[in-house]
Amino acid sequence: MDMNKQSDSFRSLKITGMSCGHCTAQVQTALESLEDVLEADVSLQEETVTIRMATDIPNDVLTRAITVAGYRAEPQ
């Protein structure tokens, strides 16, 4: 068992403006380019993203990355 996984932080955000697989890939890439984001699991159907982070990243940093990619995000 990897002990580091116990310290991972998770966050879910609601995403608006996505309409296709390319959109989800853009959101995923934008988030995973941030330092300490380990994984971003984007759901087009549910219009959400679940983010796994090595450290707790403030919502404004996460939502800014999504906004720069061309989409809108808010805490879920």
N, C-alpha and C. Protein backbone atom coordinates (compact mmCIF):
# COMPACT_ATOMS: atom_id res chain seq x y z
N MET A 1 0.84 -1.19 0.00
CA MET A 1 0.00 0.00 0.00
C MET A 1 0.88 1.25 0.00
N ASP A 2 0.57 2.17 -0.88
CA ASP A 2 1.33 3.41 -0.98
C ASP A 2 0.82 4.40 0.07
N MET A 3 1.66 4.72 1.05
CA MET A 3 1.25 5.60 2.13
C MET A 3 1.01 7.02 1.64
N ASN A 4 1.61 7.43 0.54
CA ASN A 4 1.41 8.78 0.03
C ASN A 4 -0.03 9.02 -0.39
N LYS A 5 -0.73 7.98 -0.83
CA LYS A 5 -2.10 8.15 -1.28
C LYS A 5 -3.01 8.59 -0.14
N GLN A 6 -2.66 8.27 1.09
CA GLN A 6 -3.49 8.67 2.22
C GLN A 6 -3.48 10.18 2.40
N SER A 7 -2.45 10.85 1.95
CA SER A 7 -2.37 12.29 2.14
C SER A 7 -2.89 13.07 0.92
N ASP A 8 -3.32 12.37 -0.12
CA ASP A 8 -3.87 13.05 -1.29
C ASP A 8 -5.15 13.79 -0.92
N SER A 9 -5.36 14.93 -1.55
CA SER A 9 -6.59 15.70 -1.39
C SER A 9 -7.44 15.53 -2.64
N PHE A 10 -8.74 15.56 -2.47
CA PHE A 10 -9.66 15.43 -3.59
C PHE A 10 -10.62 16.62 -3.61
N ARG A 11 -11.00 17.02 -4.81
CA ARG A 11 -11.94 18.13 -4.96
C ARG A 11 -12.80 17.83 -6.18
N SER A 12 -14.08 18.14 -6.09
CA SER A 12 -14.98 18.02 -7.24
C SER A 12 -15.50 19.40 -7.60
N LEU A 13 -15.52 19.67 -8.90
CA LEU A 13 -16.02 20.95 -9.40
C LEU A 13 -17.06 20.69 -10.48
N LYS A 14 -18.01 21.59 -10.60
CA LYS A 14 -19.00 21.58 -11.67
C LYS A 14 -18.42 22.39 -12.83
N ILE A 15 -18.45 21.83 -14.04
CA ILE A 15 -17.90 22.49 -15.22
C ILE A 15 -19.04 22.78 -16.20
N THR A 16 -19.08 23.99 -16.73
CA THR A 16 -20.06 24.31 -17.77
C THR A 16 -19.32 24.77 -19.03
N GLY A 17 -19.96 24.50 -20.17
CA GLY A 17 -19.40 24.92 -21.44
C GLY A 17 -18.76 23.79 -22.24
N MET A 18 -18.69 22.59 -21.68
CA MET A 18 -18.10 21.46 -22.41
C MET A 18 -19.18 20.83 -23.30
N SER A 19 -18.78 20.45 -24.52
CA SER A 19 -19.75 19.84 -25.43
C SER A 19 -19.23 18.59 -26.13
N CYS A 20 -17.95 18.24 -25.92
CA CYS A 20 -17.39 17.09 -26.63
C CYS A 20 -16.17 16.54 -25.89
N GLY A 21 -15.64 15.46 -26.41
CA GLY A 21 -14.46 14.84 -25.82
C GLY A 21 -13.24 15.75 -25.85
N HIS A 22 -13.15 16.59 -26.87
CA HIS A 22 -12.03 17.53 -26.95
C HIS A 22 -12.09 18.52 -25.78
N CYS A 23 -13.30 18.93 -25.43
CA CYS A 23 -13.48 19.85 -24.30
C CYS A 23 -12.99 19.21 -23.01
N THR A 24 -13.37 17.96 -22.78
CA THR A 24 -12.95 17.29 -21.55
C THR A 24 -11.43 17.15 -21.51
N ALA A 25 -10.83 16.88 -22.66
CA ALA A 25 -9.37 16.76 -22.72
C ALA A 25 -8.70 18.09 -22.40
N GLN A 26 -9.28 19.19 -22.86
CA GLN A 26 -8.71 20.51 -22.56
C GLN A 26 -8.77 20.82 -21.07
N VAL A 27 -9.89 20.50 -20.43
CA VAL A 27 -10.02 20.72 -18.99
C VAL A 27 -9.02 19.84 -18.24
N GLN A 28 -8.93 18.58 -18.64
CA GLN A 28 -7.99 17.66 -17.99
C GLN A 28 -6.56 18.15 -18.13
N THR A 29 -6.16 18.55 -19.32
CA THR A 29 -4.81 19.04 -19.56
C THR A 29 -4.52 20.31 -18.76
N ALA A 30 -5.48 21.22 -18.71
CA ALA A 30 -5.30 22.47 -17.96
C ALA A 30 -5.06 22.19 -16.49
N LEU A 31 -5.83 21.28 -15.93
CA LEU A 31 -5.69 20.98 -14.50
C LEU A 31 -4.42 20.18 -14.22
N GLU A 32 -4.14 19.19 -15.05
CA GLU A 32 -2.97 18.34 -14.80
C GLU A 32 -1.66 19.07 -15.06
N SER A 33 -1.72 20.24 -15.69
CA SER A 33 -0.51 21.04 -15.87
C SER A 33 -0.15 21.82 -14.60
N LEU A 34 -1.08 21.90 -13.66
CA LEU A 34 -0.82 22.59 -12.40
C LEU A 34 0.06 21.74 -11.49
N GLU A 35 0.98 22.41 -10.81
CA GLU A 35 1.83 21.71 -9.86
C GLU A 35 0.95 21.11 -8.76
N ASP A 36 1.25 19.89 -8.38
CA ASP A 36 0.56 19.14 -7.33
C ASP A 36 -0.77 18.54 -7.73
N VAL A 37 -1.24 18.75 -8.98
CA VAL A 37 -2.41 18.02 -9.45
C VAL A 37 -1.91 16.69 -9.99
N LEU A 38 -2.39 15.61 -9.39
CA LEU A 38 -1.95 14.27 -9.78
C LEU A 38 -2.83 13.68 -10.87
N GLU A 39 -4.12 14.01 -10.83
CA GLU A 39 -5.05 13.44 -11.79
C GLU A 39 -6.32 14.28 -11.83
N ALA A 40 -6.87 14.43 -13.02
CA ALA A 40 -8.16 15.11 -13.20
C ALA A 40 -9.06 14.20 -14.00
N ASP A 41 -10.15 13.76 -13.40
CA ASP A 41 -11.10 12.85 -14.04
C ASP A 41 -12.33 13.67 -14.43
N VAL A 42 -12.46 13.95 -15.73
CA VAL A 42 -13.51 14.83 -16.24
C VAL A 42 -14.65 14.00 -16.81
N SER A 43 -15.88 14.33 -16.43
CA SER A 43 -17.07 13.66 -16.96
C SER A 43 -17.89 14.65 -17.78
N LEU A 44 -17.96 14.41 -19.08
CA LEU A 44 -18.77 15.26 -19.96
C LEU A 44 -20.25 15.11 -19.63
N GLN A 45 -20.69 13.88 -19.42
CA GLN A 45 -22.10 13.60 -19.15
C GLN A 45 -22.56 14.27 -17.85
N GLU A 46 -21.75 14.19 -16.80
CA GLU A 46 -22.14 14.76 -15.51
C GLU A 46 -21.71 16.22 -15.36
N GLU A 47 -20.91 16.70 -16.30
CA GLU A 47 -20.36 18.07 -16.27
C GLU A 47 -19.60 18.34 -14.97
N THR A 48 -18.75 17.38 -14.60
CA THR A 48 -17.96 17.51 -13.38
C THR A 48 -16.52 17.11 -13.63
N VAL A 49 -15.67 17.50 -12.69
CA VAL A 49 -14.30 17.02 -12.67
C VAL A 49 -13.97 16.68 -11.22
N THR A 50 -13.32 15.54 -11.03
CA THR A 50 -12.79 15.17 -9.73
C THR A 50 -11.29 15.26 -9.83
N ILE A 51 -10.70 16.02 -8.94
CA ILE A 51 -9.27 16.32 -9.00
C ILE A 51 -8.57 15.68 -7.80
N ARG A 52 -7.52 14.92 -8.08
CA ARG A 52 -6.68 14.35 -7.02
C ARG A 52 -5.41 15.17 -6.96
N MET A 53 -5.09 15.66 -5.76
CA MET A 53 -3.96 16.58 -5.58
C MET A 53 -3.00 16.05 -4.51
N ALA A 54 -1.73 16.33 -4.69
CA ALA A 54 -0.73 15.96 -3.68
C ALA A 54 -0.85 16.85 -2.45
N THR A 55 -1.25 18.10 -2.67
CA THR A 55 -1.52 19.05 -1.58
C THR A 55 -2.83 19.76 -1.90
N ASP A 56 -3.43 20.33 -0.89
CA ASP A 56 -4.70 21.02 -1.09
C ASP A 56 -4.47 22.32 -1.87
N ILE A 57 -5.07 22.42 -3.05
CA ILE A 57 -4.93 23.60 -3.90
C ILE A 57 -6.21 24.42 -3.76
N PRO A 58 -6.11 25.72 -3.56
CA PRO A 58 -7.31 26.56 -3.42
C PRO A 58 -8.22 26.50 -4.65
N ASN A 59 -9.53 26.60 -4.41
CA ASN A 59 -10.50 26.57 -5.50
C ASN A 59 -10.22 27.62 -6.57
N ASP A 60 -9.78 28.82 -6.16
CA ASP A 60 -9.57 29.87 -7.15
C ASP A 60 -8.46 29.51 -8.13
N VAL A 61 -7.46 28.78 -7.70
CA VAL A 61 -6.38 28.35 -8.59
C VAL A 61 -6.92 27.33 -9.59
N LEU A 62 -7.72 26.39 -9.11
CA LEU A 62 -8.29 25.36 -9.98
C LEU A 62 -9.28 25.97 -10.98
N THR A 63 -10.17 26.82 -10.49
CA THR A 63 -11.16 27.41 -11.39
C THR A 63 -10.52 28.36 -12.40
N ARG A 64 -9.45 29.04 -12.01
CA ARG A 64 -8.74 29.92 -12.95
C ARG A 64 -8.16 29.11 -14.11
N ALA A 65 -7.57 27.96 -13.82
CA ALA A 65 -7.01 27.11 -14.88
C ALA A 65 -8.09 26.67 -15.85
N ILE A 66 -9.26 26.35 -15.33
CA ILE A 66 -10.37 25.93 -16.18
C ILE A 66 -10.90 27.10 -16.99
N THR A 67 -10.98 28.27 -16.39
CA THR A 67 -11.45 29.48 -17.09
C THR A 67 -10.50 29.84 -18.22
N VAL A 68 -9.20 29.76 -17.98
CA VAL A 68 -8.21 30.05 -19.02
C VAL A 68 -8.36 29.07 -20.19
N ALA A 69 -8.77 27.83 -19.89
CA ALA A 69 -8.98 26.83 -20.94
C ALA A 69 -10.27 27.09 -21.72
N GLY A 70 -11.12 28.02 -21.23
CA GLY A 70 -12.32 28.40 -21.97
C GLY A 70 -13.62 27.88 -21.40
N TYR A 71 -13.62 27.41 -20.16
CA TYR A 71 -14.81 26.84 -19.55
C TYR A 71 -15.08 27.51 -18.21
N ARG A 72 -16.22 27.21 -17.64
CA ARG A 72 -16.58 27.81 -16.35
C ARG A 72 -16.65 26.71 -15.30
N ALA A 73 -16.14 27.02 -14.11
CA ALA A 73 -16.14 26.03 -13.03
C ALA A 73 -16.60 26.67 -11.74
N GLU A 74 -17.23 25.84 -10.91
CA GLU A 74 -17.62 26.28 -9.58
C GLU A 74 -17.59 25.08 -8.64
N PRO A 75 -17.39 25.33 -7.36
CA PRO A 75 -17.37 24.21 -6.40
C PRO A 75 -18.69 23.46 -6.44
N GLN A 76 -18.60 22.17 -6.22
CA GLN A 76 -19.79 21.32 -6.26
C GLN A 76 -20.34 21.11 -4.88
